Structure formats: C-alpha cells, structure tokens
Amino acid sequence: MDNVIKYITGFFTGLASVLMAVIPVSILWYVLTAGSVFGIDVIANLTSLVNGFGTGGFTGLVVLVLVMSFFVKK
C-alpha cells in the first residue's frame, strides 16, 4: 500500500512540475504572438487571479499564503 501511495504522489508531483513549466512558456508565447495558447487567454486569467487576491482583503491574503505553501519546497 505504501508503494501505491508513493507512486501516486510521485505522479502528481511530476504532473505539477510539468504544468508549472508550461505557464512561463505560455506567457512568453502570448507576449510574442498575442495569441491564446490552447484557446486559453493566460494573461487575462492571471490578471483575474491577482485581482481576486487583491480584492479579497484578509481572506485573499490567507488564501494566497495557502496557495503559495503548496509551491514552496520543504
């Protein structure tokens, strides 16, 4: 059972690292070509995310800290 859990967590860790590598490339693609990536407007989505944290007040700050804790290596 322990091996299965390690396998699943390893898979999702690898998937998250691939997706985190795609984000800067998609931003660069949007800046250079002004075209969406896979039909997704990356800049608008990031702007909306940052605005959501900004207008959330204290709750937005708490959520931002929680989200950032997922990306900090321990």
N, C-alpha and C. Protein backbone atom coordinates (compact mmCIF):
# COMPACT_ATOMS: atom_id res chain seq x y z
N MET A 1 0.83 -1.19 0.00
CA MET A 1 0.00 0.00 0.00
C MET A 1 0.88 1.26 0.00
N ASP A 2 1.98 1.16 0.71
CA ASP A 2 2.89 2.31 0.78
C ASP A 2 3.47 2.62 -0.60
N ASN A 3 3.76 1.59 -1.38
CA ASN A 3 4.30 1.79 -2.73
C ASN A 3 3.29 2.47 -3.64
N VAL A 4 2.02 2.12 -3.49
CA VAL A 4 0.97 2.73 -4.31
C VAL A 4 0.86 4.21 -4.01
N ILE A 5 0.90 4.57 -2.74
CA ILE A 5 0.79 5.97 -2.34
C ILE A 5 2.00 6.75 -2.85
N LYS A 6 3.19 6.17 -2.75
CA LYS A 6 4.38 6.84 -3.28
C LYS A 6 4.30 7.02 -4.78
N TYR A 7 3.78 6.02 -5.48
CA TYR A 7 3.63 6.10 -6.93
C TYR A 7 2.66 7.21 -7.32
N ILE A 8 1.53 7.28 -6.64
CA ILE A 8 0.52 8.29 -6.96
C ILE A 8 1.03 9.69 -6.64
N THR A 9 1.66 9.87 -5.48
CA THR A 9 2.18 11.20 -5.14
C THR A 9 3.32 11.60 -6.07
N GLY A 10 4.13 10.64 -6.49
CA GLY A 10 5.19 10.93 -7.46
C GLY A 10 4.62 11.36 -8.80
N PHE A 11 3.54 10.70 -9.21
CA PHE A 11 2.90 11.06 -10.48
C PHE A 11 2.37 12.48 -10.44
N PHE A 12 1.65 12.81 -9.37
CA PHE A 12 1.07 14.15 -9.28
C PHE A 12 2.13 15.23 -9.08
N THR A 13 3.22 14.89 -8.42
CA THR A 13 4.32 15.84 -8.28
C THR A 13 4.95 16.13 -9.63
N GLY A 14 5.16 15.09 -10.42
CA GLY A 14 5.71 15.26 -11.77
C GLY A 14 4.77 16.04 -12.66
N LEU A 15 3.48 15.75 -12.57
CA LEU A 15 2.49 16.47 -13.37
C LEU A 15 2.45 17.95 -13.00
N ALA A 16 2.53 18.25 -11.71
CA ALA A 16 2.53 19.64 -11.27
C ALA A 16 3.77 20.37 -11.75
N SER A 17 4.91 19.70 -11.75
CA SER A 17 6.14 20.36 -12.21
C SER A 17 6.09 20.62 -13.71
N VAL A 18 5.48 19.74 -14.47
CA VAL A 18 5.32 19.98 -15.91
C VAL A 18 4.39 21.16 -16.15
N LEU A 19 3.29 21.20 -15.42
CA LEU A 19 2.35 22.31 -15.60
C LEU A 19 2.95 23.64 -15.17
N MET A 20 3.77 23.63 -14.13
CA MET A 20 4.43 24.86 -13.70
C MET A 20 5.48 25.31 -14.71
N ALA A 21 5.99 24.41 -15.51
CA ALA A 21 6.93 24.79 -16.57
C ALA A 21 6.20 25.33 -17.79
N VAL A 22 4.95 24.92 -17.98
CA VAL A 22 4.17 25.36 -19.13
C VAL A 22 3.70 26.80 -18.96
N ILE A 23 3.47 27.23 -17.74
CA ILE A 23 2.94 28.58 -17.50
C ILE A 23 3.87 29.67 -18.03
N PRO A 24 5.17 29.68 -17.71
CA PRO A 24 6.03 30.74 -18.27
C PRO A 24 6.14 30.68 -19.79
N VAL A 25 6.14 29.48 -20.34
CA VAL A 25 6.22 29.34 -21.80
C VAL A 25 4.96 29.90 -22.45
N SER A 26 3.79 29.63 -21.85
CA SER A 26 2.55 30.15 -22.42
C SER A 26 2.46 31.67 -22.29
N ILE A 27 3.00 32.24 -21.21
CA ILE A 27 3.03 33.69 -21.07
C ILE A 27 3.94 34.30 -22.14
N LEU A 28 5.09 33.70 -22.33
CA LEU A 28 6.01 34.19 -23.36
C LEU A 28 5.38 34.07 -24.74
N TRP A 29 4.70 32.98 -25.01
CA TRP A 29 4.03 32.80 -26.30
C TRP A 29 2.98 33.89 -26.52
N TYR A 30 2.20 34.19 -25.47
CA TYR A 30 1.16 35.22 -25.59
C TYR A 30 1.78 36.59 -25.83
N VAL A 31 2.89 36.88 -25.15
CA VAL A 31 3.53 38.19 -25.32
C VAL A 31 4.11 38.32 -26.73
N LEU A 32 4.72 37.27 -27.23
CA LEU A 32 5.37 37.34 -28.55
C LEU A 32 4.38 37.31 -29.70
N THR A 33 3.31 36.53 -29.58
CA THR A 33 2.40 36.35 -30.71
C THR A 33 1.03 36.99 -30.51
N ALA A 34 0.71 37.40 -29.30
CA ALA A 34 -0.61 37.95 -28.95
C ALA A 34 -1.72 36.97 -29.27
N GLY A 35 -1.41 35.68 -29.23
CA GLY A 35 -2.40 34.64 -29.48
C GLY A 35 -2.57 33.77 -28.25
N SER A 36 -3.74 33.21 -28.13
CA SER A 36 -4.01 32.36 -26.98
C SER A 36 -3.31 31.01 -27.13
N VAL A 37 -3.11 30.36 -26.03
CA VAL A 37 -2.48 29.04 -26.01
C VAL A 37 -3.57 28.02 -25.68
N PHE A 38 -3.82 27.11 -26.59
CA PHE A 38 -4.86 26.09 -26.45
C PHE A 38 -6.22 26.72 -26.17
N GLY A 39 -6.47 27.90 -26.74
CA GLY A 39 -7.74 28.57 -26.56
C GLY A 39 -7.91 29.25 -25.20
N ILE A 40 -6.82 29.38 -24.44
CA ILE A 40 -6.88 29.98 -23.11
C ILE A 40 -6.11 31.29 -23.11
N ASP A 41 -6.73 32.35 -22.65
CA ASP A 41 -6.06 33.63 -22.53
C ASP A 41 -5.34 33.67 -21.18
N VAL A 42 -4.05 33.36 -21.20
CA VAL A 42 -3.27 33.19 -19.98
C VAL A 42 -3.16 34.49 -19.21
N ILE A 43 -2.90 35.58 -19.88
CA ILE A 43 -2.72 36.87 -19.21
C ILE A 43 -4.01 37.30 -18.51
N ALA A 44 -5.14 37.14 -19.17
CA ALA A 44 -6.42 37.52 -18.56
C ALA A 44 -6.71 36.66 -17.33
N ASN A 45 -6.40 35.38 -17.40
CA ASN A 45 -6.63 34.51 -16.25
C ASN A 45 -5.72 34.86 -15.08
N LEU A 46 -4.45 35.16 -15.35
CA LEU A 46 -3.55 35.56 -14.28
C LEU A 46 -3.96 36.90 -13.68
N THR A 47 -4.39 37.82 -14.53
CA THR A 47 -4.86 39.12 -14.03
C THR A 47 -6.08 38.95 -13.14
N SER A 48 -7.00 38.09 -13.55
CA SER A 48 -8.19 37.83 -12.75
C SER A 48 -7.82 37.19 -11.41
N LEU A 49 -6.86 36.28 -11.42
CA LEU A 49 -6.42 35.64 -10.18
C LEU A 49 -5.80 36.65 -9.22
N VAL A 50 -4.94 37.51 -9.72
CA VAL A 50 -4.29 38.52 -8.88
C VAL A 50 -5.32 39.52 -8.36
N ASN A 51 -6.26 39.93 -9.20
CA ASN A 51 -7.32 40.84 -8.75
C ASN A 51 -8.19 40.20 -7.68
N GLY A 52 -8.44 38.91 -7.81
CA GLY A 52 -9.23 38.20 -6.80
C GLY A 52 -8.54 38.19 -5.45
N PHE A 53 -7.22 37.98 -5.45
CA PHE A 53 -6.48 38.03 -4.20
C PHE A 53 -6.46 39.45 -3.64
N GLY A 54 -6.36 40.44 -4.52
CA GLY A 54 -6.28 41.84 -4.08
C GLY A 54 -7.58 42.34 -3.49
N THR A 55 -8.69 41.95 -4.06
CA THR A 55 -9.98 42.44 -3.57
C THR A 55 -10.53 41.58 -2.45
N GLY A 56 -9.84 40.47 -2.14
CA GLY A 56 -10.32 39.57 -1.09
C GLY A 56 -10.00 40.05 0.31
N GLY A 57 -9.17 41.08 0.43
CA GLY A 57 -8.81 41.57 1.76
C GLY A 57 -8.01 40.54 2.53
N PHE A 58 -8.36 40.38 3.80
CA PHE A 58 -7.64 39.44 4.66
C PHE A 58 -7.84 38.00 4.18
N THR A 59 -9.02 37.68 3.73
CA THR A 59 -9.29 36.34 3.22
C THR A 59 -8.44 36.04 2.00
N GLY A 60 -8.31 37.01 1.12
CA GLY A 60 -7.45 36.84 -0.05
C GLY A 60 -6.01 36.62 0.33
N LEU A 61 -5.55 37.31 1.37
CA LEU A 61 -4.18 37.13 1.85
C LEU A 61 -3.98 35.73 2.41
N VAL A 62 -4.95 35.25 3.18
CA VAL A 62 -4.85 33.91 3.76
C VAL A 62 -4.83 32.86 2.65
N VAL A 63 -5.69 33.00 1.66
CA VAL A 63 -5.74 32.06 0.54
C VAL A 63 -4.43 32.12 -0.25
N LEU A 64 -3.89 33.30 -0.45
CA LEU A 64 -2.62 33.44 -1.17
C LEU A 64 -1.50 32.72 -0.43
N VAL A 65 -1.45 32.86 0.88
CA VAL A 65 -0.43 32.17 1.68
C VAL A 65 -0.61 30.66 1.58
N LEU A 66 -1.85 30.19 1.62
CA LEU A 66 -2.10 28.75 1.49
C LEU A 66 -1.69 28.23 0.12
N VAL A 67 -2.01 28.95 -0.93
CA VAL A 67 -1.64 28.54 -2.28
C VAL A 67 -0.12 28.52 -2.43
N MET A 68 0.54 29.54 -1.92
CA MET A 68 2.00 29.60 -2.04
C MET A 68 2.68 28.50 -1.23
N SER A 69 2.04 28.04 -0.16
CA SER A 69 2.64 26.97 0.64
C SER A 69 2.72 25.67 -0.15
N PHE A 70 1.86 25.50 -1.14
CA PHE A 70 1.92 24.30 -1.97
C PHE A 70 3.15 24.31 -2.88
N PHE A 71 3.64 25.49 -3.23
CA PHE A 71 4.73 25.60 -4.19
C PHE A 71 6.11 25.77 -3.56
N VAL A 72 6.17 25.88 -2.24
CA VAL A 72 7.44 26.04 -1.55
C VAL A 72 7.98 24.66 -1.21
N LYS A 73 9.20 24.39 -1.63
CA LYS A 73 9.80 23.09 -1.32
C LYS A 73 10.26 23.07 0.11
N LYS A 74 10.02 21.96 0.75
CA LYS A 74 10.35 21.83 2.17
C LYS A 74 11.64 21.08 2.35
